Amino acid sequence: MILGIVGGLVAGALGMKWLGDFGQLNEMQLAAGGEQLQNMGTAGLLMIVSLILGVTGGIMAWKRKYLPGGVLMLVGGIVPLFYAKQAILFLCLLIAGGIVALLAHYKSASPASSTSVG
């Protein structure tokens, strides 16, 4: 649960950094960089969305709503990777938080084995 919140904060910080760098480029640099720079700009925006999804998913998991919280964290951690694969290092905390939340959901949903003495 903490992993999701911290992962969201890290992803949001990197997204803001990338968008700041992207905003400082001039037209010639954008034309020379082509599609890779456009993808980094898109990934920067998506990582800011990952900030929101990570914090929301972490709070939901903290309130024992593991399934929706885990799904939010996984979506926030995986979707930006379609545009910038180099962000995996910064999104791994968010992905790990989603996996832990889903594991907690399935562990809490499994029937408790009780032994009756009688």
N, C-alpha and C. Protein backbone atom coordinates (compact mmCIF):
# COMPACT_ATOMS: atom_id res chain seq x y z
N MET A 1 0.82 -1.16 0.00
CA MET A 1 0.00 0.00 0.00
C MET A 1 0.89 1.26 0.00
N ILE A 2 1.91 1.22 0.83
CA ILE A 2 2.89 2.30 0.82
C ILE A 2 3.65 2.31 -0.50
N LEU A 3 3.88 1.11 -1.05
CA LEU A 3 4.57 1.01 -2.34
C LEU A 3 3.81 1.77 -3.42
N GLY A 4 2.50 1.66 -3.42
CA GLY A 4 1.69 2.36 -4.43
C GLY A 4 1.78 3.86 -4.30
N ILE A 5 1.73 4.35 -3.07
CA ILE A 5 1.79 5.79 -2.85
C ILE A 5 3.18 6.32 -3.21
N VAL A 6 4.22 5.65 -2.73
CA VAL A 6 5.58 6.10 -3.04
C VAL A 6 5.86 5.95 -4.53
N GLY A 7 5.42 4.84 -5.12
CA GLY A 7 5.59 4.64 -6.56
C GLY A 7 4.88 5.70 -7.38
N GLY A 8 3.69 6.08 -6.95
CA GLY A 8 2.97 7.15 -7.64
C GLY A 8 3.69 8.48 -7.53
N LEU A 9 4.25 8.76 -6.37
CA LEU A 9 5.00 10.01 -6.19
C LEU A 9 6.26 10.04 -7.05
N VAL A 10 6.95 8.90 -7.12
CA VAL A 10 8.15 8.83 -7.95
C VAL A 10 7.79 8.98 -9.43
N ALA A 11 6.73 8.31 -9.86
CA ALA A 11 6.31 8.41 -11.26
C ALA A 11 5.88 9.83 -11.60
N GLY A 12 5.15 10.46 -10.70
CA GLY A 12 4.73 11.84 -10.94
C GLY A 12 5.90 12.80 -11.01
N ALA A 13 6.89 12.59 -10.15
CA ALA A 13 8.07 13.46 -10.19
C ALA A 13 8.82 13.32 -11.51
N LEU A 14 8.98 12.08 -11.99
CA LEU A 14 9.66 11.88 -13.26
C LEU A 14 8.83 12.46 -14.41
N GLY A 15 7.51 12.29 -14.34
CA GLY A 15 6.65 12.85 -15.37
C GLY A 15 6.75 14.37 -15.44
N MET A 16 6.79 15.02 -14.28
CA MET A 16 6.94 16.48 -14.26
C MET A 16 8.30 16.90 -14.81
N LYS A 17 9.33 16.14 -14.50
CA LYS A 17 10.67 16.43 -15.01
C LYS A 17 10.69 16.31 -16.53
N TRP A 18 10.12 15.23 -17.05
CA TRP A 18 10.09 15.04 -18.50
C TRP A 18 9.28 16.12 -19.19
N LEU A 19 8.14 16.50 -18.62
CA LEU A 19 7.34 17.55 -19.24
C LEU A 19 8.05 18.90 -19.18
N GLY A 20 8.78 19.16 -18.10
CA GLY A 20 9.56 20.38 -18.02
C GLY A 20 10.65 20.42 -19.08
N ASP A 21 11.33 19.30 -19.25
CA ASP A 21 12.36 19.22 -20.29
C ASP A 21 11.75 19.32 -21.68
N PHE A 22 10.60 18.71 -21.87
CA PHE A 22 9.92 18.73 -23.17
C PHE A 22 9.46 20.14 -23.52
N GLY A 23 9.04 20.90 -22.52
CA GLY A 23 8.59 22.27 -22.76
C GLY A 23 9.71 23.22 -23.13
N GLN A 24 10.95 22.89 -22.78
CA GLN A 24 12.08 23.76 -23.09
C GLN A 24 12.65 23.53 -24.48
N LEU A 25 12.18 22.52 -25.17
CA LEU A 25 12.69 22.24 -26.51
C LEU A 25 12.09 23.22 -27.52
N ASN A 26 12.90 23.59 -28.51
CA ASN A 26 12.36 24.45 -29.57
C ASN A 26 11.88 23.59 -30.73
N GLU A 27 11.31 24.23 -31.72
CA GLU A 27 10.72 23.50 -32.85
C GLU A 27 11.75 22.65 -33.61
N MET A 28 12.96 23.16 -33.77
CA MET A 28 13.97 22.41 -34.51
C MET A 28 14.37 21.15 -33.75
N GLN A 29 14.51 21.25 -32.44
CA GLN A 29 14.86 20.09 -31.64
C GLN A 29 13.74 19.06 -31.66
N LEU A 30 12.49 19.53 -31.63
CA LEU A 30 11.36 18.61 -31.70
C LEU A 30 11.32 17.89 -33.04
N ALA A 31 11.61 18.62 -34.12
CA ALA A 31 11.61 18.00 -35.45
C ALA A 31 12.75 16.99 -35.57
N ALA A 32 13.90 17.29 -34.98
CA ALA A 32 15.04 16.38 -35.06
C ALA A 32 14.82 15.15 -34.18
N GLY A 33 14.15 15.32 -33.04
CA GLY A 33 13.91 14.20 -32.13
C GLY A 33 12.81 13.29 -32.62
N GLY A 34 11.87 13.85 -33.34
CA GLY A 34 10.81 13.06 -33.96
C GLY A 34 9.89 12.38 -32.97
N GLU A 35 9.57 11.16 -33.32
CA GLU A 35 8.55 10.41 -32.59
C GLU A 35 9.00 10.04 -31.17
N GLN A 36 10.29 9.84 -30.97
CA GLN A 36 10.76 9.46 -29.64
C GLN A 36 10.50 10.58 -28.63
N LEU A 37 10.73 11.83 -29.01
CA LEU A 37 10.45 12.93 -28.10
C LEU A 37 8.95 13.09 -27.87
N GLN A 38 8.15 12.88 -28.90
CA GLN A 38 6.70 12.95 -28.72
C GLN A 38 6.22 11.86 -27.76
N ASN A 39 6.80 10.68 -27.88
CA ASN A 39 6.43 9.59 -26.97
C ASN A 39 6.85 9.90 -25.54
N MET A 40 7.99 10.56 -25.36
CA MET A 40 8.41 10.93 -24.00
C MET A 40 7.47 11.98 -23.42
N GLY A 41 6.99 12.90 -24.25
CA GLY A 41 6.02 13.88 -23.77
C GLY A 41 4.71 13.22 -23.36
N THR A 42 4.26 12.27 -24.16
CA THR A 42 3.04 11.54 -23.83
C THR A 42 3.24 10.71 -22.56
N ALA A 43 4.39 10.07 -22.46
CA ALA A 43 4.68 9.28 -21.26
C ALA A 43 4.76 10.17 -20.02
N GLY A 44 5.28 11.38 -20.17
CA GLY A 44 5.32 12.32 -19.05
C GLY A 44 3.93 12.65 -18.55
N LEU A 45 3.01 12.89 -19.47
CA LEU A 45 1.62 13.15 -19.07
C LEU A 45 1.00 11.93 -18.39
N LEU A 46 1.25 10.77 -18.96
CA LEU A 46 0.70 9.55 -18.38
C LEU A 46 1.29 9.26 -17.00
N MET A 47 2.53 9.65 -16.78
CA MET A 47 3.13 9.41 -15.47
C MET A 47 2.57 10.37 -14.42
N ILE A 48 2.12 11.53 -14.85
CA ILE A 48 1.42 12.40 -13.90
C ILE A 48 0.07 11.78 -13.54
N VAL A 49 -0.58 11.15 -14.52
CA VAL A 49 -1.81 10.41 -14.22
C VAL A 49 -1.49 9.23 -13.30
N SER A 50 -0.31 8.63 -13.47
CA SER A 50 0.12 7.53 -12.60
C SER A 50 0.26 7.99 -11.16
N LEU A 51 0.66 9.23 -10.98
CA LEU A 51 0.71 9.80 -9.62
C LEU A 51 -0.66 9.72 -8.96
N ILE A 52 -1.67 10.16 -9.68
CA ILE A 52 -3.03 10.15 -9.14
C ILE A 52 -3.51 8.72 -8.91
N LEU A 53 -3.27 7.84 -9.89
CA LEU A 53 -3.71 6.45 -9.76
C LEU A 53 -2.97 5.73 -8.63
N GLY A 54 -1.67 6.00 -8.48
CA GLY A 54 -0.90 5.34 -7.43
C GLY A 54 -1.34 5.76 -6.04
N VAL A 55 -1.55 7.04 -5.85
CA VAL A 55 -1.99 7.52 -4.53
C VAL A 55 -3.40 7.03 -4.23
N THR A 56 -4.29 7.11 -5.23
CA THR A 56 -5.66 6.63 -5.03
C THR A 56 -5.68 5.13 -4.77
N GLY A 57 -4.92 4.37 -5.56
CA GLY A 57 -4.86 2.92 -5.36
C GLY A 57 -4.27 2.55 -4.01
N GLY A 58 -3.25 3.29 -3.57
CA GLY A 58 -2.65 3.03 -2.26
C GLY A 58 -3.63 3.29 -1.12
N ILE A 59 -4.39 4.37 -1.24
CA ILE A 59 -5.38 4.68 -0.20
C ILE A 59 -6.49 3.64 -0.19
N MET A 60 -6.93 3.22 -1.40
CA MET A 60 -7.97 2.20 -1.46
C MET A 60 -7.48 0.89 -0.86
N ALA A 61 -6.24 0.51 -1.16
CA ALA A 61 -5.69 -0.72 -0.59
C ALA A 61 -5.53 -0.59 0.92
N TRP A 62 -5.20 0.59 1.38
CA TRP A 62 -5.07 0.82 2.83
C TRP A 62 -6.42 0.61 3.52
N LYS A 63 -7.50 0.94 2.81
CA LYS A 63 -8.85 0.76 3.35
C LYS A 63 -9.42 -0.62 3.05
N ARG A 64 -8.53 -1.54 2.71
CA ARG A 64 -8.85 -2.95 2.45
C ARG A 64 -9.71 -3.16 1.22
N LYS A 65 -9.64 -2.27 0.27
CA LYS A 65 -10.26 -2.48 -1.04
C LYS A 65 -9.13 -2.82 -2.00
N TYR A 66 -8.61 -4.03 -1.81
CA TYR A 66 -7.39 -4.44 -2.48
C TYR A 66 -7.53 -4.57 -3.99
N LEU A 67 -8.64 -5.13 -4.47
CA LEU A 67 -8.78 -5.38 -5.90
C LEU A 67 -8.81 -4.08 -6.71
N PRO A 68 -9.71 -3.13 -6.40
CA PRO A 68 -9.67 -1.90 -7.21
C PRO A 68 -8.38 -1.10 -7.01
N GLY A 69 -7.84 -1.11 -5.80
CA GLY A 69 -6.58 -0.41 -5.55
C GLY A 69 -5.43 -1.01 -6.32
N GLY A 70 -5.37 -2.35 -6.35
CA GLY A 70 -4.31 -3.02 -7.09
C GLY A 70 -4.42 -2.80 -8.59
N VAL A 71 -5.64 -2.81 -9.10
CA VAL A 71 -5.84 -2.59 -10.53
C VAL A 71 -5.43 -1.16 -10.90
N LEU A 72 -5.80 -0.19 -10.08
CA LEU A 72 -5.41 1.20 -10.36
C LEU A 72 -3.89 1.35 -10.38
N MET A 73 -3.23 0.73 -9.41
CA MET A 73 -1.77 0.84 -9.37
C MET A 73 -1.12 0.15 -10.57
N LEU A 74 -1.64 -1.00 -10.97
CA LEU A 74 -1.06 -1.69 -12.12
C LEU A 74 -1.29 -0.92 -13.42
N VAL A 75 -2.47 -0.36 -13.58
CA VAL A 75 -2.74 0.44 -14.79
C VAL A 75 -1.82 1.65 -14.82
N GLY A 76 -1.66 2.31 -13.67
CA GLY A 76 -0.78 3.47 -13.61
C GLY A 76 0.68 3.13 -13.83
N GLY A 77 1.07 1.90 -13.54
CA GLY A 77 2.45 1.50 -13.72
C GLY A 77 2.76 0.92 -15.09
N ILE A 78 1.76 0.38 -15.75
CA ILE A 78 2.02 -0.32 -17.02
C ILE A 78 1.77 0.56 -18.24
N VAL A 79 0.73 1.37 -18.24
CA VAL A 79 0.37 2.15 -19.44
C VAL A 79 1.49 3.08 -19.91
N PRO A 80 2.19 3.82 -19.03
CA PRO A 80 3.27 4.68 -19.54
C PRO A 80 4.41 3.91 -20.22
N LEU A 81 4.55 2.64 -19.91
CA LEU A 81 5.63 1.85 -20.50
C LEU A 81 5.41 1.61 -22.00
N PHE A 82 4.19 1.76 -22.48
CA PHE A 82 3.94 1.63 -23.91
C PHE A 82 4.58 2.77 -24.70
N TYR A 83 4.83 3.89 -24.04
CA TYR A 83 5.41 5.06 -24.70
C TYR A 83 6.88 5.28 -24.38
N ALA A 84 7.32 4.89 -23.19
CA ALA A 84 8.71 5.10 -22.80
C ALA A 84 9.15 3.93 -21.92
N LYS A 85 9.81 2.97 -22.53
CA LYS A 85 10.22 1.77 -21.79
C LYS A 85 11.30 2.06 -20.76
N GLN A 86 12.03 3.16 -20.93
CA GLN A 86 13.09 3.47 -19.98
C GLN A 86 12.54 3.92 -18.61
N ALA A 87 11.25 4.10 -18.50
CA ALA A 87 10.64 4.51 -17.23
C ALA A 87 10.39 3.32 -16.30
N ILE A 88 10.73 2.11 -16.72
CA ILE A 88 10.44 0.93 -15.91
C ILE A 88 11.08 1.02 -14.53
N LEU A 89 12.26 1.59 -14.45
CA LEU A 89 12.95 1.70 -13.17
C LEU A 89 12.16 2.56 -12.18
N PHE A 90 11.49 3.58 -12.69
CA PHE A 90 10.74 4.48 -11.83
C PHE A 90 9.32 3.98 -11.57
N LEU A 91 8.83 3.10 -12.41
CA LEU A 91 7.46 2.60 -12.25
C LEU A 91 7.41 1.26 -11.53
N CYS A 92 8.57 0.66 -11.25
CA CYS A 92 8.56 -0.67 -10.64
C CYS A 92 7.95 -0.67 -9.24
N LEU A 93 8.10 0.41 -8.48
CA LEU A 93 7.47 0.48 -7.16
C LEU A 93 5.95 0.47 -7.28
N LEU A 94 5.44 1.19 -8.26
CA LEU A 94 4.00 1.25 -8.46
C LEU A 94 3.46 -0.11 -8.91
N ILE A 95 4.17 -0.77 -9.79
CA ILE A 95 3.76 -2.10 -10.24
C ILE A 95 3.83 -3.10 -9.09
N ALA A 96 4.89 -3.01 -8.28
CA ALA A 96 5.02 -3.91 -7.12
C ALA A 96 3.89 -3.67 -6.12
N GLY A 97 3.51 -2.42 -5.92
CA GLY A 97 2.39 -2.12 -5.04
C GLY A 97 1.09 -2.72 -5.53
N GLY A 98 0.87 -2.68 -6.84
CA GLY A 98 -0.33 -3.28 -7.41
C GLY A 98 -0.34 -4.79 -7.25
N ILE A 99 0.81 -5.41 -7.44
CA ILE A 99 0.90 -6.86 -7.29
C ILE A 99 0.65 -7.26 -5.84
N VAL A 100 1.24 -6.53 -4.90
CA VAL A 100 1.05 -6.84 -3.48
C VAL A 100 -0.42 -6.66 -3.08
N ALA A 101 -1.07 -5.62 -3.59
CA ALA A 101 -2.48 -5.41 -3.27
C ALA A 101 -3.35 -6.53 -3.83
N LEU A 102 -3.06 -6.98 -5.05
CA LEU A 102 -3.83 -8.08 -5.62
C LEU A 102 -3.58 -9.38 -4.86
N LEU A 103 -2.35 -9.61 -4.45
CA LEU A 103 -2.06 -10.80 -3.64
C LEU A 103 -2.79 -10.74 -2.30
N ALA A 104 -2.85 -9.56 -1.70
CA ALA A 104 -3.57 -9.40 -0.44
C ALA A 104 -5.06 -9.65 -0.65
N HIS A 105 -5.59 -9.22 -1.80
CA HIS A 105 -7.01 -9.45 -2.08
C HIS A 105 -7.29 -10.94 -2.17
N TYR A 106 -6.47 -11.66 -2.93
CA TYR A 106 -6.72 -13.09 -3.10
C TYR A 106 -6.43 -13.87 -1.82
N LYS A 107 -5.52 -13.39 -1.00
CA LYS A 107 -5.26 -14.07 0.27
C LYS A 107 -6.42 -13.84 1.24
N SER A 108 -6.97 -12.63 1.26
CA SER A 108 -8.09 -12.35 2.16
C SER A 108 -9.38 -12.97 1.66
N ALA A 109 -9.49 -13.25 0.35
CA ALA A 109 -10.71 -13.86 -0.19
C ALA A 109 -10.72 -15.35 -0.04
N SER A 110 -9.56 -15.96 0.22
CA SER A 110 -9.53 -17.42 0.35
C SER A 110 -10.23 -17.81 1.65
N PRO A 111 -10.96 -18.89 1.62
CA PRO A 111 -11.69 -19.30 2.83
C PRO A 111 -10.70 -19.71 3.93
N ALA A 112 -11.01 -19.26 5.12
CA ALA A 112 -10.16 -19.60 6.26
C ALA A 112 -10.46 -21.02 6.68
N SER A 113 -9.42 -21.78 6.82
CA SER A 113 -9.61 -23.17 7.27
C SER A 113 -9.70 -23.17 8.78
N SER A 114 -10.80 -23.64 9.26
CA SER A 114 -10.99 -23.68 10.70
C SER A 114 -11.09 -25.14 11.14
N THR A 115 -10.54 -25.39 12.27
CA THR A 115 -10.62 -26.74 12.83
C THR A 115 -11.56 -26.68 13.99
N SER A 116 -12.51 -27.56 13.99
CA SER A 116 -13.47 -27.59 15.10
C SER A 116 -13.13 -28.75 16.03
N VAL A 117 -13.10 -28.43 17.26
CA VAL A 117 -12.81 -29.44 18.27
C VAL A 117 -14.15 -29.84 18.86
N GLY A 118 -14.43 -31.07 18.79
CA GLY A 118 -15.73 -31.38 19.35
C GLY A 118 -15.98 -32.77 19.32
